[in-house]
Amino acid sequence: MVAYLDSSVVLRHILLGDLAIQRALECGSLVSSELMEIECRRVLQRCRMTGVLNDVTYVTAIARLNAVLEGVSLLSLSAAVKKRAMESFPVVIKTLDALHLATALVYKDTLLSEELVLFSHDDAMNRCAAVLGFVTLLG
């Protein structure tokens, strides 16, 4: 089984100590869009600039992110992914969610027999993923 990680799962783990990521780590492998790293680093920078994180907690958060990233295969925002993200989806989703789901859809087409399970805390993304045939384990 392959786990697709959304940024929300990684950020809750890093910032709040949420353990939902443990369920994803139990899968055979972890993948996400390269967008996940960008989103996470931007959120951590914003938290530092707004005082949510101080120097010590920012450095700790970056170390946690780097540790997570070591175990995740980041998939590129390829032309196929961007093209799919521009197409319609069965429910209303935001642009970054469309990019994540398009990445998952394109990657899913490359899997022979393994199941791709989506991990996200975003309700709209989970609804859309379910309609698209993904198993979603968080909400």
C-alpha atoms as a PDB file:
ATOM      1  CA  MET A   1       0.000   0.000   0.000  1.00  0.00           C
ATOM      2  CA  VAL A   2       1.197   3.496  -0.897  1.00  0.00           C
ATOM      3  CA  ALA A   3       0.274   6.510   1.228  1.00  0.00           C
ATOM      4  CA  TYR A   4      -0.204   9.919  -0.378  1.00  0.00           C
ATOM      5  CA  LEU A   5       0.467  12.627   2.212  1.00  0.00           C
ATOM      6  CA  ASP A   6      -1.231  15.994   2.084  1.00  0.00           C
ATOM      7  CA  SER A   7       0.484  18.993   3.673  1.00  0.00           C
ATOM      8  CA  SER A   8      -2.143  19.156   6.419  1.00  0.00           C
ATOM      9  CA  VAL A   9      -1.000  15.831   7.862  1.00  0.00           C
ATOM     10  CA  VAL A  10       2.655  16.835   7.880  1.00  0.00           C
ATOM     11  CA  LEU A  11       1.988  20.286   9.362  1.00  0.00           C
ATOM     12  CA  ARG A  12      -0.227  18.950  12.147  1.00  0.00           C
ATOM     13  CA  HIS A  13       2.502  16.476  12.997  1.00  0.00           C
ATOM     14  CA  ILE A  14       5.220  19.133  13.036  1.00  0.00           C
ATOM     15  CA  LEU A  15       3.320  21.947  14.746  1.00  0.00           C
ATOM     16  CA  LEU A  16       0.874  20.096  17.009  1.00  0.00           C
ATOM     17  CA  GLY A  17       2.481  16.701  17.552  1.00  0.00           C
ATOM     18  CA  ASP A  18      -0.502  15.031  15.860  1.00  0.00           C
ATOM     19  CA  LEU A  19       0.109  11.303  15.501  1.00  0.00           C
ATOM     20  CA  ALA A  20      -2.138  10.672  12.479  1.00  0.00           C
ATOM     21  CA  ILE A  21       1.012  10.562  10.358  1.00  0.00           C
ATOM     22  CA  GLN A  22       1.852   7.269  12.103  1.00  0.00           C
ATOM     23  CA  ARG A  23      -0.943   5.567  10.147  1.00  0.00           C
ATOM     24  CA  ALA A  24       0.633   6.736   6.906  1.00  0.00           C
ATOM     25  CA  LEU A  25       4.067   5.567   8.027  1.00  0.00           C
ATOM     26  CA  GLU A  26       2.651   2.053   8.408  1.00  0.00           C
ATOM     27  CA  CYS A  27       2.097   1.880   4.646  1.00  0.00           C
ATOM     28  CA  GLY A  28       4.758   0.394   2.408  1.00  0.00           C
ATOM     29  CA  SER A  29       5.819   3.739   0.962  1.00  0.00           C
ATOM     30  CA  LEU A  30       5.018   7.451   1.185  1.00  0.00           C
ATOM     31  CA  VAL A  31       4.542   9.859  -1.706  1.00  0.00           C
ATOM     32  CA  SER A  32       3.415  13.444  -2.087  1.00  0.00           C
ATOM     33  CA  SER A  33       3.605  16.305  -4.516  1.00  0.00           C
ATOM     34  CA  GLU A  34       6.635  18.552  -4.426  1.00  0.00           C
ATOM     35  CA  LEU A  35       3.987  21.101  -3.529  1.00  0.00           C
ATOM     36  CA  MET A  36       3.850  19.585  -0.039  1.00  0.00           C
ATOM     37  CA  GLU A  37       7.397  20.677   0.756  1.00  0.00           C
ATOM     38  CA  ILE A  38       6.738  24.171  -0.577  1.00  0.00           C
ATOM     39  CA  GLU A  39       3.518  24.509   1.444  1.00  0.00           C
ATOM     40  CA  CYS A  40       5.139  23.228   4.636  1.00  0.00           C
ATOM     41  CA  ARG A  41       8.191  25.461   4.383  1.00  0.00           C
ATOM     42  CA  ARG A  42       5.999  28.508   3.647  1.00  0.00           C
ATOM     43  CA  VAL A  43       3.751  27.805   6.640  1.00  0.00           C
ATOM     44  CA  LEU A  44       6.744  27.355   8.938  1.00  0.00           C
ATOM     45  CA  GLN A  45       8.287  30.597   7.671  1.00  0.00           C
ATOM     46  CA  ARG A  46       4.978  32.407   8.215  1.00  0.00           C
ATOM     47  CA  CYS A  47       4.730  30.973  11.737  1.00  0.00           C
ATOM     48  CA  ARG A  48       8.235  32.255  12.466  1.00  0.00           C
ATOM     49  CA  MET A  49       7.528  35.712  11.043  1.00  0.00           C
ATOM     50  CA  THR A  50       4.256  36.079  12.984  1.00  0.00           C
ATOM     51  CA  GLY A  51       5.768  34.923  16.274  1.00  0.00           C
ATOM     52  CA  VAL A  52       3.951  31.592  16.493  1.00  0.00           C
ATOM     53  CA  LEU A  53       7.399  29.967  16.429  1.00  0.00           C
ATOM     54  CA  ASN A  54      10.516  31.407  18.050  1.00  0.00           C
ATOM     55  CA  ASP A  55      14.091  30.667  16.943  1.00  0.00           C
ATOM     56  CA  VAL A  56      14.278  27.401  18.891  1.00  0.00           C
ATOM     57  CA  THR A  57      10.861  26.069  17.889  1.00  0.00           C
ATOM     58  CA  TYR A  58      11.431  27.097  14.255  1.00  0.00           C
ATOM     59  CA  VAL A  59      14.700  25.157  14.072  1.00  0.00           C
ATOM     60  CA  THR A  60      12.978  22.161  15.687  1.00  0.00           C
ATOM     61  CA  ALA A  61      10.083  22.389  13.218  1.00  0.00           C
ATOM     62  CA  ILE A  62      12.451  22.512  10.233  1.00  0.00           C
ATOM     63  CA  ALA A  63      14.325  19.474  11.579  1.00  0.00           C
ATOM     64  CA  ARG A  64      11.027  17.593  11.928  1.00  0.00           C
ATOM     65  CA  LEU A  65      10.036  18.539   8.390  1.00  0.00           C
ATOM     66  CA  ASN A  66      13.399  17.389   7.040  1.00  0.00           C
ATOM     67  CA  ALA A  67      13.014  14.074   8.887  1.00  0.00           C
ATOM     68  CA  VAL A  68       9.573  13.537   7.335  1.00  0.00           C
ATOM     69  CA  LEU A  69      10.839  14.484   3.876  1.00  0.00           C
ATOM     70  CA  GLU A  70      13.602  11.865   4.086  1.00  0.00           C
ATOM     71  CA  GLY A  71      10.939   9.165   3.983  1.00  0.00           C
ATOM     72  CA  VAL A  72       8.697  10.689   1.297  1.00  0.00           C
ATOM     73  CA  SER A  73       9.121  10.409  -2.461  1.00  0.00           C
ATOM     74  CA  LEU A  74       8.199  13.824  -3.843  1.00  0.00           C
ATOM     75  CA  LEU A  75       6.426  13.730  -7.189  1.00  0.00           C
ATOM     76  CA  SER A  76       6.960  16.575  -9.626  1.00  0.00           C
ATOM     77  CA  LEU A  77       4.315  18.968 -10.812  1.00  0.00           C
ATOM     78  CA  SER A  78       4.641  17.569 -14.307  1.00  0.00           C
ATOM     79  CA  ALA A  79       2.811  18.812 -17.380  1.00  0.00           C
ATOM     80  CA  ALA A  80       0.357  15.912 -16.985  1.00  0.00           C
ATOM     81  CA  VAL A  81      -0.334  16.886 -13.364  1.00  0.00           C
ATOM     82  CA  LYS A  82      -0.877  20.550 -14.227  1.00  0.00           C
ATOM     83  CA  LYS A  83      -3.133  19.636 -17.137  1.00  0.00           C
ATOM     84  CA  ARG A  84      -5.264  17.366 -14.923  1.00  0.00           C
ATOM     85  CA  ALA A  85      -5.445  20.029 -12.193  1.00  0.00           C
ATOM     86  CA  MET A  86      -6.926  22.460 -14.740  1.00  0.00           C
ATOM     87  CA  GLU A  87      -9.750  20.058 -15.544  1.00  0.00           C
ATOM     88  CA  SER A  88     -12.949  19.773 -13.544  1.00  0.00           C
ATOM     89  CA  PHE A  89     -13.354  17.843 -10.301  1.00  0.00           C
ATOM     90  CA  PRO A  90     -16.581  16.306  -8.975  1.00  0.00           C
ATOM     91  CA  VAL A  91     -16.770  18.638  -5.964  1.00  0.00           C
ATOM     92  CA  VAL A  92     -15.520  22.156  -5.255  1.00  0.00           C
ATOM     93  CA  ILE A  93     -11.866  22.159  -4.205  1.00  0.00           C
ATOM     94  CA  LYS A  94      -9.177  24.807  -3.911  1.00  0.00           C
ATOM     95  CA  THR A  95      -6.323  25.140  -6.399  1.00  0.00           C
ATOM     96  CA  LEU A  96      -3.641  23.562  -4.219  1.00  0.00           C
ATOM     97  CA  ASP A  97      -5.977  20.647  -3.429  1.00  0.00           C
ATOM     98  CA  ALA A  98      -6.567  20.213  -7.162  1.00  0.00           C
ATOM     99  CA  LEU A  99      -2.799  20.031  -7.681  1.00  0.00           C
ATOM    100  CA  HIS A 100      -2.460  17.434  -4.907  1.00  0.00           C
ATOM    101  CA  LEU A 101      -5.326  15.327  -6.253  1.00  0.00           C
ATOM    102  CA  ALA A 102      -4.054  15.619  -9.823  1.00  0.00           C
ATOM    103  CA  THR A 103      -0.640  14.433  -8.626  1.00  0.00           C
ATOM    104  CA  ALA A 104      -2.252  11.483  -6.854  1.00  0.00           C
ATOM    105  CA  LEU A 105      -4.371  10.618  -9.914  1.00  0.00           C
ATOM    106  CA  VAL A 106      -1.424  10.707 -12.307  1.00  0.00           C
ATOM    107  CA  TYR A 107       0.708   8.677  -9.899  1.00  0.00           C
ATOM    108  CA  LYS A 108      -2.109   6.173  -9.313  1.00  0.00           C
ATOM    109  CA  ASP A 109      -2.099   5.418 -13.048  1.00  0.00           C
ATOM    110  CA  THR A 110       1.526   4.232 -12.734  1.00  0.00           C
ATOM    111  CA  LEU A 111       0.800   1.735  -9.969  1.00  0.00           C
ATOM    112  CA  LEU A 112       0.284  -1.813 -11.138  1.00  0.00           C
ATOM    113  CA  SER A 113      -1.477  -3.454  -8.237  1.00  0.00           C
ATOM    114  CA  GLU A 114      -0.775  -1.401  -5.135  1.00  0.00           C
ATOM    115  CA  GLU A 115      -3.512   0.677  -3.568  1.00  0.00           C
ATOM    116  CA  LEU A 116      -2.955   4.425  -3.131  1.00  0.00           C
ATOM    117  CA  VAL A 117      -4.459   5.723   0.118  1.00  0.00           C
ATOM    118  CA  LEU A 118      -4.870   9.456   0.627  1.00  0.00           C
ATOM    119  CA  PHE A 119      -4.086  11.053   3.999  1.00  0.00           C
ATOM    120  CA  SER A 120      -5.490  14.561   4.479  1.00  0.00           C
ATOM    121  CA  HIS A 121      -7.257  16.540   7.197  1.00  0.00           C
ATOM    122  CA  ASP A 122      -9.038  18.677   4.571  1.00  0.00           C
ATOM    123  CA  ASP A 123     -12.727  17.731   4.356  1.00  0.00           C
ATOM    124  CA  ALA A 124     -13.295  19.005   0.815  1.00  0.00           C
ATOM    125  CA  MET A 125     -10.195  17.228  -0.448  1.00  0.00           C
ATOM    126  CA  ASN A 126     -11.279  13.996   1.238  1.00  0.00           C
ATOM    127  CA  ARG A 127     -14.781  14.246  -0.266  1.00  0.00           C
ATOM    128  CA  CYS A 128     -13.358  14.804  -3.717  1.00  0.00           C
ATOM    129  CA  ALA A 129     -10.808  12.011  -3.310  1.00  0.00           C
ATOM    130  CA  ALA A 130     -13.532   9.588  -2.235  1.00  0.00           C
ATOM    131  CA  VAL A 131     -15.621  10.418  -5.315  1.00  0.00           C
ATOM    132  CA  LEU A 132     -12.518   9.864  -7.442  1.00  0.00           C
ATOM    133  CA  GLY A 133     -12.131   6.376  -5.962  1.00  0.00           C
ATOM    134  CA  PHE A 134      -9.414   6.931  -3.380  1.00  0.00           C
ATOM    135  CA  VAL A 135      -9.494   5.434   0.069  1.00  0.00           C
ATOM    136  CA  THR A 136      -9.138   8.266   2.596  1.00  0.00           C
ATOM    137  CA  LEU A 137      -8.200   7.484   6.188  1.00  0.00           C
ATOM    138  CA  LEU A 138      -8.371  10.882   7.896  1.00  0.00           C
ATOM    139  CA  GLY A 139     -10.839  13.678   8.069  1.00  0.00           C
END
